[in-house]
Amino acid sequence: MSDVAKAVEAMKAKFNPAAAAGLDLVFGFDITDEDKKYALIIKDGTCDIQEGENPDANCTLVLDSETLKGIVSGETDGMQAFMGGKLRVEGDMMLSMKLSELFPS
């Protein structure tokens, strides 16, 4: 399992089902340096991970593997990564803010 796959699995372990009650969202992750794509599917308090691009993604985070690992581990602040140009959001940017509620550190 790659470091990126481990980071995505670690996100799932931090999932807060209460914050996802009633939600039906797809978050895409485009890992630029490894040319990997993942989707987190949040539906009614559940979280599922799928490899590959999901055309139904409400928002996609475009970042490298180091930034992803840093955000998941809590060493990197997602907002600082965004402001510093290490993270780009495609689609509904406001939804990306929900990630910190859905996956608290």
PDB file of N, CA and C in Angstrom:
ATOM      1  N   MET A   1       0.850  -1.185   0.000  1.00  0.00           N
ATOM      2  CA  MET A   1       0.000   0.000   0.000  1.00  0.00           C
ATOM      3  C   MET A   1       0.896   1.248   0.000  1.00  0.00           C
ATOM      4  N   SER A   2       0.619   2.165  -0.908  1.00  0.00           N
ATOM      5  CA  SER A   2       1.438   3.372  -1.013  1.00  0.00           C
ATOM      6  C   SER A   2       1.180   4.303   0.173  1.00  0.00           C
ATOM      7  N   ASP A   3       2.077   5.258   0.356  1.00  0.00           N
ATOM      8  CA  ASP A   3       1.897   6.246   1.427  1.00  0.00           C
ATOM      9  C   ASP A   3       0.605   7.031   1.232  1.00  0.00           C
ATOM     10  N   VAL A   4       0.276   7.320  -0.021  1.00  0.00           N
ATOM     11  CA  VAL A   4      -0.959   8.061  -0.306  1.00  0.00           C
ATOM     12  C   VAL A   4      -2.167   7.224   0.093  1.00  0.00           C
ATOM     13  N   ALA A   5      -2.173   5.949  -0.263  1.00  0.00           N
ATOM     14  CA  ALA A   5      -3.285   5.067   0.107  1.00  0.00           C
ATOM     15  C   ALA A   5      -3.405   4.983   1.632  1.00  0.00           C
ATOM     16  N   LYS A   6      -2.264   4.944   2.326  1.00  0.00           N
ATOM     17  CA  LYS A   6      -2.287   4.918   3.798  1.00  0.00           C
ATOM     18  C   LYS A   6      -2.877   6.211   4.345  1.00  0.00           C
ATOM     19  N   ALA A   7      -2.526   7.344   3.745  1.00  0.00           N
ATOM     20  CA  ALA A   7      -3.059   8.634   4.207  1.00  0.00           C
ATOM     21  C   ALA A   7      -4.566   8.703   4.004  1.00  0.00           C
ATOM     22  N   VAL A   8      -5.030   8.199   2.865  1.00  0.00           N
ATOM     23  CA  VAL A   8      -6.473   8.192   2.598  1.00  0.00           C
ATOM     24  C   VAL A   8      -7.184   7.271   3.597  1.00  0.00           C
ATOM     25  N   GLU A   9      -6.603   6.119   3.884  1.00  0.00           N
ATOM     26  CA  GLU A   9      -7.177   5.210   4.885  1.00  0.00           C
ATOM     27  C   GLU A   9      -7.179   5.860   6.274  1.00  0.00           C
ATOM     28  N   ALA A  10      -6.127   6.616   6.585  1.00  0.00           N
ATOM     29  CA  ALA A  10      -6.060   7.310   7.880  1.00  0.00           C
ATOM     30  C   ALA A  10      -7.174   8.342   7.988  1.00  0.00           C
ATOM     31  N   MET A  11      -7.501   8.990   6.864  1.00  0.00           N
ATOM     32  CA  MET A  11      -8.623   9.932   6.879  1.00  0.00           C
ATOM     33  C   MET A  11      -9.906   9.203   7.262  1.00  0.00           C
ATOM     34  N   LYS A  12     -10.104   8.053   6.658  1.00  0.00           N
ATOM     35  CA  LYS A  12     -11.326   7.287   6.934  1.00  0.00           C
ATOM     36  C   LYS A  12     -11.415   6.924   8.418  1.00  0.00           C
ATOM     37  N   ALA A  13     -10.267   6.645   9.036  1.00  0.00           N
ATOM     38  CA  ALA A  13     -10.251   6.293  10.456  1.00  0.00           C
ATOM     39  C   ALA A  13     -10.652   7.474  11.343  1.00  0.00           C
ATOM     40  N   LYS A  14     -10.449   8.698  10.866  1.00  0.00           N
ATOM     41  CA  LYS A  14     -10.794   9.903  11.637  1.00  0.00           C
ATOM     42  C   LYS A  14     -12.225  10.374  11.371  1.00  0.00           C
ATOM     43  N   PHE A  15     -12.924   9.679  10.505  1.00  0.00           N
ATOM     44  CA  PHE A  15     -14.256  10.108  10.065  1.00  0.00           C
ATOM     45  C   PHE A  15     -15.215  10.304  11.232  1.00  0.00           C
ATOM     46  N   ASN A  16     -15.952  11.411  11.197  1.00  0.00           N
ATOM     47  CA  ASN A  16     -16.942  11.746  12.218  1.00  0.00           C
ATOM     48  C   ASN A  16     -18.339  11.562  11.607  1.00  0.00           C
ATOM     49  N   PRO A  17     -18.980  10.402  11.832  1.00  0.00           N
ATOM     50  CA  PRO A  17     -20.281  10.136  11.210  1.00  0.00           C
ATOM     51  C   PRO A  17     -21.357  11.158  11.579  1.00  0.00           C
ATOM     52  N   ALA A  18     -21.298  11.704  12.795  1.00  0.00           N
ATOM     53  CA  ALA A  18     -22.321  12.681  13.218  1.00  0.00           C
ATOM     54  C   ALA A  18     -22.298  13.918  12.323  1.00  0.00           C
ATOM     55  N   ALA A  19     -21.108  14.341  11.889  1.00  0.00           N
ATOM     56  CA  ALA A  19     -20.990  15.525  11.027  1.00  0.00           C
ATOM     57  C   ALA A  19     -21.502  15.246   9.613  1.00  0.00           C
ATOM     58  N   ALA A  20     -21.655  13.971   9.274  1.00  0.00           N
ATOM     59  CA  ALA A  20     -22.070  13.598   7.923  1.00  0.00           C
ATOM     60  C   ALA A  20     -23.541  13.212   7.835  1.00  0.00           C
ATOM     61  N   ALA A  21     -24.275  13.357   8.924  1.00  0.00           N
ATOM     62  CA  ALA A  21     -25.691  12.991   8.922  1.00  0.00           C
ATOM     63  C   ALA A  21     -26.434  13.807   7.862  1.00  0.00           C
ATOM     64  N   GLY A  22     -27.132  13.114   6.990  1.00  0.00           N
ATOM     65  CA  GLY A  22     -27.933  13.781   5.970  1.00  0.00           C
ATOM     66  C   GLY A  22     -27.152  14.295   4.769  1.00  0.00           C
ATOM     67  N   LEU A  23     -25.853  14.115   4.748  1.00  0.00           N
ATOM     68  CA  LEU A  23     -25.046  14.602   3.624  1.00  0.00           C
ATOM     69  C   LEU A  23     -24.967  13.567   2.509  1.00  0.00           C
ATOM     70  N   ASP A  24     -24.806  14.050   1.305  1.00  0.00           N
ATOM     71  CA  ASP A  24     -24.607  13.202   0.139  1.00  0.00           C
ATOM     72  C   ASP A  24     -23.600  13.941  -0.748  1.00  0.00           C
ATOM     73  N   LEU A  25     -22.309  13.700  -0.494  1.00  0.00           N
ATOM     74  CA  LEU A  25     -21.236  14.443  -1.151  1.00  0.00           C
ATOM     75  C   LEU A  25     -20.147  13.512  -1.655  1.00  0.00           C
ATOM     76  N   VAL A  26     -19.439  13.971  -2.670  1.00  0.00           N
ATOM     77  CA  VAL A  26     -18.264  13.255  -3.157  1.00  0.00           C
ATOM     78  C   VAL A  26     -17.108  14.247  -3.203  1.00  0.00           C
ATOM     79  N   PHE A  27     -16.041  13.906  -2.486  1.00  0.00           N
ATOM     80  CA  PHE A  27     -14.820  14.699  -2.505  1.00  0.00           C
ATOM     81  C   PHE A  27     -13.786  13.955  -3.345  1.00  0.00           C
ATOM     82  N   GLY A  28     -13.251  14.613  -4.341  1.00  0.00           N
ATOM     83  CA  GLY A  28     -12.208  14.016  -5.154  1.00  0.00           C
ATOM     84  C   GLY A  28     -10.837  14.462  -4.661  1.00  0.00           C
ATOM     85  N   PHE A  29      -9.862  13.601  -4.808  1.00  0.00           N
ATOM     86  CA  PHE A  29      -8.464  13.920  -4.479  1.00  0.00           C
ATOM     87  C   PHE A  29      -7.627  13.575  -5.696  1.00  0.00           C
ATOM     88  N   ASP A  30      -6.916  14.569  -6.217  1.00  0.00           N
ATOM     89  CA  ASP A  30      -6.025  14.373  -7.362  1.00  0.00           C
ATOM     90  C   ASP A  30      -4.604  14.558  -6.850  1.00  0.00           C
ATOM     91  N   ILE A  31      -3.875  13.459  -6.712  1.00  0.00           N
ATOM     92  CA  ILE A  31      -2.513  13.489  -6.165  1.00  0.00           C
ATOM     93  C   ILE A  31      -1.554  13.668  -7.345  1.00  0.00           C
ATOM     94  N   THR A  32      -1.057  14.884  -7.501  1.00  0.00           N
ATOM     95  CA  THR A  32      -0.338  15.268  -8.716  1.00  0.00           C
ATOM     96  C   THR A  32       0.980  14.533  -8.930  1.00  0.00           C
ATOM     97  N   ASP A  33       1.765  14.332  -7.889  1.00  0.00           N
ATOM     98  CA  ASP A  33       3.087  13.736  -8.089  1.00  0.00           C
ATOM     99  C   ASP A  33       3.045  12.219  -8.256  1.00  0.00           C
ATOM    100  N   GLU A  34       1.934  11.597  -7.934  1.00  0.00           N
ATOM    101  CA  GLU A  34       1.817  10.143  -8.092  1.00  0.00           C
ATOM    102  C   GLU A  34       0.789   9.762  -9.148  1.00  0.00           C
ATOM    103  N   ASP A  35       0.175  10.789  -9.752  1.00  0.00           N
ATOM    104  CA  ASP A  35      -0.848  10.573 -10.773  1.00  0.00           C
ATOM    105  C   ASP A  35      -1.906   9.581 -10.294  1.00  0.00           C
ATOM    106  N   LYS A  36      -2.362   9.792  -9.052  1.00  0.00           N
ATOM    107  CA  LYS A  36      -3.401   8.942  -8.454  1.00  0.00           C
ATOM    108  C   LYS A  36      -4.618   9.803  -8.159  1.00  0.00           C
ATOM    109  N   LYS A  37      -5.770   9.184  -8.243  1.00  0.00           N
ATOM    110  CA  LYS A  37      -7.018   9.872  -7.914  1.00  0.00           C
ATOM    111  C   LYS A  37      -7.825   8.983  -6.977  1.00  0.00           C
ATOM    112  N   TYR A  38      -8.461   9.640  -6.019  1.00  0.00           N
ATOM    113  CA  TYR A  38      -9.313   8.949  -5.057  1.00  0.00           C
ATOM    114  C   TYR A  38     -10.603   9.743  -4.905  1.00  0.00           C
ATOM    115  N   ALA A  39     -11.621   9.092  -4.415  1.00  0.00           N
ATOM    116  CA  ALA A  39     -12.873   9.768  -4.094  1.00  0.00           C
ATOM    117  C   ALA A  39     -13.328   9.317  -2.722  1.00  0.00           C
ATOM    118  N   LEU A  40     -13.730  10.290  -1.911  1.00  0.00           N
ATOM    119  CA  LEU A  40     -14.365  10.007  -0.622  1.00  0.00           C
ATOM    120  C   LEU A  40     -15.853  10.254  -0.820  1.00  0.00           C
ATOM    121  N   ILE A  41     -16.627   9.227  -0.606  1.00  0.00           N
ATOM    122  CA  ILE A  41     -18.065   9.329  -0.805  1.00  0.00           C
ATOM    123  C   ILE A  41     -18.725   9.372   0.570  1.00  0.00           C
ATOM    124  N   ILE A  42     -19.333  10.510   0.867  1.00  0.00           N
ATOM    125  CA  ILE A  42     -19.994  10.736   2.152  1.00  0.00           C
ATOM    126  C   ILE A  42     -21.494  10.668   1.907  1.00  0.00           C
ATOM    127  N   LYS A  43     -22.147   9.741   2.575  1.00  0.00           N
ATOM    128  CA  LYS A  43     -23.589   9.596   2.372  1.00  0.00           C
ATOM    129  C   LYS A  43     -24.248   9.177   3.674  1.00  0.00           C
ATOM    130  N   ASP A  44     -25.111  10.062   4.180  1.00  0.00           N
ATOM    131  CA  ASP A  44     -25.906   9.765   5.379  1.00  0.00           C
ATOM    132  C   ASP A  44     -25.096   9.146   6.515  1.00  0.00           C
ATOM    133  N   GLY A  45     -24.009   9.795   6.900  1.00  0.00           N
ATOM    134  CA  GLY A  45     -23.237   9.339   8.046  1.00  0.00           C
ATOM    135  C   GLY A  45     -22.245   8.227   7.748  1.00  0.00           C
ATOM    136  N   THR A  46     -22.050   7.898   6.468  1.00  0.00           N
ATOM    137  CA  THR A  46     -21.067   6.875   6.106  1.00  0.00           C
ATOM    138  C   THR A  46     -19.977   7.479   5.234  1.00  0.00           C
ATOM    139  N   CYS A  47     -18.849   6.813   5.193  1.00  0.00           N
ATOM    140  CA  CYS A  47     -17.716   7.253   4.383  1.00  0.00           C
ATOM    141  C   CYS A  47     -17.158   6.057   3.643  1.00  0.00           C
ATOM    142  N   ASP A  48     -17.036   6.188   2.337  1.00  0.00           N
ATOM    143  CA  ASP A  48     -16.460   5.122   1.537  1.00  0.00           C
ATOM    144  C   ASP A  48     -15.358   5.720   0.675  1.00  0.00           C
ATOM    145  N   ILE A  49     -14.315   4.948   0.439  1.00  0.00           N
ATOM    146  CA  ILE A  49     -13.190   5.412  -0.381  1.00  0.00           C
ATOM    147  C   ILE A  49     -13.156   4.570  -1.637  1.00  0.00           C
ATOM    148  N   GLN A  50     -12.973   5.236  -2.776  1.00  0.00           N
ATOM    149  CA  GLN A  50     -12.786   4.493  -4.011  1.00  0.00           C
ATOM    150  C   GLN A  50     -11.570   5.047  -4.743  1.00  0.00           C
ATOM    151  N   GLU A  51     -10.838   4.153  -5.376  1.00  0.00           N
ATOM    152  CA  GLU A  51      -9.699   4.584  -6.173  1.00  0.00           C
ATOM    153  C   GLU A  51     -10.207   5.028  -7.523  1.00  0.00           C
ATOM    154  N   GLY A  52      -9.531   6.004  -8.082  1.00  0.00           N
ATOM    155  CA  GLY A  52      -9.902   6.502  -9.399  1.00  0.00           C
ATOM    156  C   GLY A  52     -10.728   7.770  -9.298  1.00  0.00           C
ATOM    157  N   GLU A  53     -10.927   8.391 -10.443  1.00  0.00           N
ATOM    158  CA  GLU A  53     -11.680   9.638 -10.506  1.00  0.00           C
ATOM    159  C   GLU A  53     -13.171   9.338 -10.430  1.00  0.00           C
ATOM    160  N   ASN A  54     -13.899  10.194  -9.722  1.00  0.00           N
ATOM    161  CA  ASN A  54     -15.346  10.062  -9.650  1.00  0.00           C
ATOM    162  C   ASN A  54     -15.951  11.274 -10.360  1.00  0.00           C
ATOM    163  N   PRO A  55     -16.676  11.055 -11.454  1.00  0.00           N
ATOM    164  CA  PRO A  55     -17.227  12.178 -12.211  1.00  0.00           C
ATOM    165  C   PRO A  55     -18.272  12.975 -11.426  1.00  0.00           C
ATOM    166  N   ASP A  56     -18.778  12.418 -10.332  1.00  0.00           N
ATOM    167  CA  ASP A  56     -19.794  13.103  -9.530  1.00  0.00           C
ATOM    168  C   ASP A  56     -19.204  13.938  -8.400  1.00  0.00           C
ATOM    169  N   ALA A  57     -17.881  14.117  -8.377  1.00  0.00           N
ATOM    170  CA  ALA A  57     -17.241  14.867  -7.282  1.00  0.00           C
ATOM    171  C   ALA A  57     -17.810  16.284  -7.199  1.00  0.00           C
ATOM    172  N   ASN A  58     -18.238  16.660  -5.989  1.00  0.00           N
ATOM    173  CA  ASN A  58     -18.721  18.020  -5.745  1.00  0.00           C
ATOM    174  C   ASN A  58     -17.567  19.007  -5.674  1.00  0.00           C
ATOM    175  N   CYS A  59     -16.441  18.531  -5.161  1.00  0.00           N
ATOM    176  CA  CYS A  59     -15.225  19.340  -5.154  1.00  0.00           C
ATOM    177  C   CYS A  59     -14.032  18.398  -5.176  1.00  0.00           C
ATOM    178  N   THR A  60     -12.974  18.854  -5.836  1.00  0.00           N
ATOM    179  CA  THR A  60     -11.759  18.050  -5.967  1.00  0.00           C
ATOM    180  C   THR A  60     -10.586  18.835  -5.409  1.00  0.00           C
ATOM    181  N   LEU A  61      -9.815  18.186  -4.546  1.00  0.00           N
ATOM    182  CA  LEU A  61      -8.608  18.793  -4.004  1.00  0.00           C
ATOM    183  C   LEU A  61      -7.426  18.290  -4.821  1.00  0.00           C
ATOM    184  N   VAL A  62      -6.657  19.229  -5.351  1.00  0.00           N
ATOM    185  CA  VAL A  62      -5.499  18.908  -6.178  1.00  0.00           C
ATOM    186  C   VAL A  62      -4.262  19.259  -5.351  1.00  0.00           C
ATOM    187  N   LEU A  63      -3.453  18.231  -5.019  1.00  0.00           N
ATOM    188  CA  LEU A  63      -2.297  18.445  -4.154  1.00  0.00           C
ATOM    189  C   LEU A  63      -1.296  17.321  -4.355  1.00  0.00           C
ATOM    190  N   ASP A  64      -0.089  17.518  -3.819  1.00  0.00           N
ATOM    191  CA  ASP A  64       0.903  16.450  -3.928  1.00  0.00           C
ATOM    192  C   ASP A  64       0.814  15.533  -2.705  1.00  0.00           C
ATOM    193  N   SER A  65       1.519  14.423  -2.773  1.00  0.00           N
ATOM    194  CA  SER A  65       1.410  13.409  -1.718  1.00  0.00           C
ATOM    195  C   SER A  65       1.918  13.925  -0.369  1.00  0.00           C
ATOM    196  N   GLU A  66       2.981  14.735  -0.364  1.00  0.00           N
ATOM    197  CA  GLU A  66       3.512  15.260   0.895  1.00  0.00           C
ATOM    198  C   GLU A  66       2.491  16.156   1.585  1.00  0.00           C
ATOM    199  N   THR A  67       1.816  17.005   0.798  1.00  0.00           N
ATOM    200  CA  THR A  67       0.802  17.907   1.370  1.00  0.00           C
ATOM    201  C   THR A  67      -0.356  17.095   1.937  1.00  0.00           C
ATOM    202  N   LEU A  68      -0.798  16.079   1.207  1.00  0.00           N
ATOM    203  CA  LEU A  68      -1.892  15.229   1.700  1.00  0.00           C
ATOM    204  C   LEU A  68      -1.505  14.562   3.016  1.00  0.00           C
ATOM    205  N   LYS A  69      -0.312  13.963   3.051  1.00  0.00           N
ATOM    206  CA  LYS A  69       0.122  13.281   4.278  1.00  0.00           C
ATOM    207  C   LYS A  69       0.214  14.272   5.439  1.00  0.00           C
ATOM    208  N   GLY A  70       0.701  15.482   5.175  1.00  0.00           N
ATOM    209  CA  GLY A  70       0.818  16.496   6.216  1.00  0.00           C
ATOM    210  C   GLY A  70      -0.529  16.926   6.756  1.00  0.00           C
ATOM    211  N   ILE A  71      -1.499  17.099   5.867  1.00  0.00           N
ATOM    212  CA  ILE A  71      -2.843  17.509   6.297  1.00  0.00           C
ATOM    213  C   ILE A  71      -3.492  16.400   7.127  1.00  0.00           C
ATOM    214  N   VAL A  72      -3.388  15.167   6.661  1.00  0.00           N
ATOM    215  CA  VAL A  72      -4.002  14.037   7.370  1.00  0.00           C
ATOM    216  C   VAL A  72      -3.365  13.844   8.748  1.00  0.00           C
ATOM    217  N   SER A  73      -2.037  14.006   8.825  1.00  0.00           N
ATOM    218  CA  SER A  73      -1.349  13.804  10.108  1.00  0.00           C
ATOM    219  C   SER A  73      -1.531  14.989  11.051  1.00  0.00           C
ATOM    220  N   GLY A  74      -1.981  16.125  10.515  1.00  0.00           N
ATOM    221  CA  GLY A  74      -2.157  17.312  11.342  1.00  0.00           C
ATOM    222  C   GLY A  74      -0.932  18.216  11.359  1.00  0.00           C
ATOM    223  N   GLU A  75       0.136  17.816  10.662  1.00  0.00           N
ATOM    224  CA  GLU A  75       1.355  18.631  10.616  1.00  0.00           C
ATOM    225  C   GLU A  75       1.200  19.832   9.698  1.00  0.00           C
ATOM    226  N   THR A  76       0.281  19.748   8.734  1.00  0.00           N
ATOM    227  CA  THR A  76       0.042  20.825   7.786  1.00  0.00           C
ATOM    228  C   THR A  76      -1.393  21.293   7.910  1.00  0.00           C
ATOM    229  N   ASP A  77      -1.589  22.598   7.980  1.00  0.00           N
ATOM    230  CA  ASP A  77      -2.926  23.176   8.033  1.00  0.00           C
ATOM    231  C   ASP A  77      -3.447  23.297   6.595  1.00  0.00           C
ATOM    232  N   GLY A  78      -4.639  22.764   6.360  1.00  0.00           N
ATOM    233  CA  GLY A  78      -5.207  22.781   5.018  1.00  0.00           C
ATOM    234  C   GLY A  78      -5.361  24.178   4.458  1.00  0.00           C
ATOM    235  N   MET A  79      -5.797  25.129   5.286  1.00  0.00           N
ATOM    236  CA  MET A  79      -5.983  26.503   4.822  1.00  0.00           C
ATOM    237  C   MET A  79      -4.631  27.129   4.459  1.00  0.00           C
ATOM    238  N   GLN A  80      -3.612  26.860   5.261  1.00  0.00           N
ATOM    239  CA  GLN A  80      -2.280  27.385   4.948  1.00  0.00           C
ATOM    240  C   GLN A  80      -1.743  26.763   3.660  1.00  0.00           C
ATOM    241  N   ALA A  81      -2.000  25.483   3.461  1.00  0.00           N
ATOM    242  CA  ALA A  81      -1.571  24.821   2.225  1.00  0.00           C
ATOM    243  C   ALA A  81      -2.255  25.467   1.023  1.00  0.00           C
ATOM    244  N   PHE A  82      -3.541  25.794   1.189  1.00  0.00           N
ATOM    245  CA  PHE A  82      -4.293  26.442   0.112  1.00  0.00           C
ATOM    246  C   PHE A  82      -3.724  27.829  -0.175  1.00  0.00           C
ATOM    247  N   MET A  83      -3.524  28.605   0.888  1.00  0.00           N
ATOM    248  CA  MET A  83      -3.008  29.974   0.732  1.00  0.00           C
ATOM    249  C   MET A  83      -1.579  29.971   0.174  1.00  0.00           C
ATOM    250  N   GLY A  84      -0.823  28.940   0.480  1.00  0.00           N
ATOM    251  CA  GLY A  84       0.555  28.832   0.012  1.00  0.00           C
ATOM    252  C   GLY A  84       0.694  28.206  -1.368  1.00  0.00           C
ATOM    253  N   GLY A  85      -0.434  27.878  -1.994  1.00  0.00           N
ATOM    254  CA  GLY A  85      -0.397  27.325  -3.340  1.00  0.00           C
ATOM    255  C   GLY A  85      -0.082  25.838  -3.416  1.00  0.00           C
ATOM    256  N   LYS A  86      -0.078  25.155  -2.258  1.00  0.00           N
ATOM    257  CA  LYS A  86       0.215  23.713  -2.264  1.00  0.00           C
ATOM    258  C   LYS A  86      -1.047  22.873  -2.434  1.00  0.00           C
ATOM    259  N   LEU A  87      -2.202  23.530  -2.363  1.00  0.00           N
ATOM    260  CA  LEU A  87      -3.491  22.860  -2.476  1.00  0.00           C
ATOM    261  C   LEU A  87      -4.396  23.721  -3.343  1.00  0.00           C
ATOM    262  N   ARG A  88      -5.008  23.097  -4.328  1.00  0.00           N
ATOM    263  CA  ARG A  88      -5.953  23.791  -5.196  1.00  0.00           C
ATOM    264  C   ARG A  88      -7.293  23.076  -5.086  1.00  0.00           C
ATOM    265  N   VAL A  89      -8.371  23.843  -5.110  1.00  0.00           N
ATOM    266  CA  VAL A  89      -9.706  23.259  -5.015  1.00  0.00           C
ATOM    267  C   VAL A  89     -10.452  23.536  -6.312  1.00  0.00           C
ATOM    268  N   GLU A  90     -10.975  22.487  -6.909  1.00  0.00           N
ATOM    269  CA  GLU A  90     -11.802  22.616  -8.107  1.00  0.00           C
ATOM    270  C   GLU A  90     -13.225  22.261  -7.724  1.00  0.00           C
ATOM    271  N   GLY A  91     -14.183  23.032  -8.211  1.00  0.00           N
ATOM    272  CA  GLY A  91     -15.582  22.786  -7.866  1.00  0.00           C
ATOM    273  C   GLY A  91     -16.002  23.671  -6.705  1.00  0.00           C
ATOM    274  N   ASP A  92     -16.872  23.169  -5.851  1.00  0.00           N
ATOM    275  CA  ASP A  92     -17.452  23.939  -4.755  1.00  0.00           C
ATOM    276  C   ASP A  92     -16.446  24.109  -3.615  1.00  0.00           C
ATOM    277  N   MET A  93     -15.772  25.248  -3.602  1.00  0.00           N
ATOM    278  CA  MET A  93     -14.726  25.503  -2.614  1.00  0.00           C
ATOM    279  C   MET A  93     -15.270  25.493  -1.180  1.00  0.00           C
ATOM    280  N   MET A  94     -16.492  25.943  -0.989  1.00  0.00           N
ATOM    281  CA  MET A  94     -17.064  25.982   0.366  1.00  0.00           C
ATOM    282  C   MET A  94     -17.195  24.566   0.948  1.00  0.00           C
ATOM    283  N   LEU A  95     -17.429  23.599   0.108  1.00  0.00           N
ATOM    284  CA  LEU A  95     -17.537  22.221   0.596  1.00  0.00           C
ATOM    285  C   LEU A  95     -16.212  21.723   1.159  1.00  0.00           C
ATOM    286  N   SER A  96     -15.105  22.216   0.611  1.00  0.00           N
ATOM    287  CA  SER A  96     -13.802  21.771   1.111  1.00  0.00           C
ATOM    288  C   SER A  96     -13.630  22.139   2.584  1.00  0.00           C
ATOM    289  N   MET A  97     -14.310  23.195   3.029  1.00  0.00           N
ATOM    290  CA  MET A  97     -14.253  23.605   4.429  1.00  0.00           C
ATOM    291  C   MET A  97     -14.887  22.564   5.354  1.00  0.00           C
ATOM    292  N   LYS A  98     -15.825  21.779   4.812  1.00  0.00           N
ATOM    293  CA  LYS A  98     -16.496  20.748   5.620  1.00  0.00           C
ATOM    294  C   LYS A  98     -15.564  19.591   5.971  1.00  0.00           C
ATOM    295  N   LEU A  99     -14.477  19.449   5.232  1.00  0.00           N
ATOM    296  CA  LEU A  99     -13.580  18.324   5.479  1.00  0.00           C
ATOM    297  C   LEU A  99     -13.038  18.329   6.902  1.00  0.00           C
ATOM    298  N   SER A 100     -12.778  19.520   7.460  1.00  0.00           N
ATOM    299  CA  SER A 100     -12.240  19.569   8.825  1.00  0.00           C
ATOM    300  C   SER A 100     -13.282  19.123   9.862  1.00  0.00           C
ATOM    301  N   GLU A 101     -14.574  19.297   9.554  1.00  0.00           N
ATOM    302  CA  GLU A 101     -15.636  18.797  10.449  1.00  0.00           C
ATOM    303  C   GLU A 101     -15.803  17.284  10.282  1.00  0.00           C
ATOM    304  N   LEU A 102     -15.735  16.834   9.026  1.00  0.00           N
ATOM    305  CA  LEU A 102     -15.942  15.419   8.746  1.00  0.00           C
ATOM    306  C   LEU A 102     -14.765  14.542   9.191  1.00  0.00           C
ATOM    307  N   PHE A 103     -13.563  15.141   9.149  1.00  0.00           N
ATOM    308  CA  PHE A 103     -12.358  14.387   9.506  1.00  0.00           C
ATOM    309  C   PHE A 103     -11.519  15.198  10.504  1.00  0.00           C
ATOM    310  N   PRO A 104     -12.011  15.338  11.748  1.00  0.00           N
ATOM    311  CA  PRO A 104     -11.255  16.142  12.737  1.00  0.00           C
ATOM    312  C   PRO A 104      -9.907  15.487  13.079  1.00  0.00           C
ATOM    313  N   SER A 105      -8.925  16.336  13.409  1.00  0.00           N
ATOM    314  CA  SER A 105      -7.609  15.763  13.731  1.00  0.00           C
ATOM    315  C   SER A 105      -7.587  15.138  15.089  1.00  0.00           C
TER     316      SER A 105
END
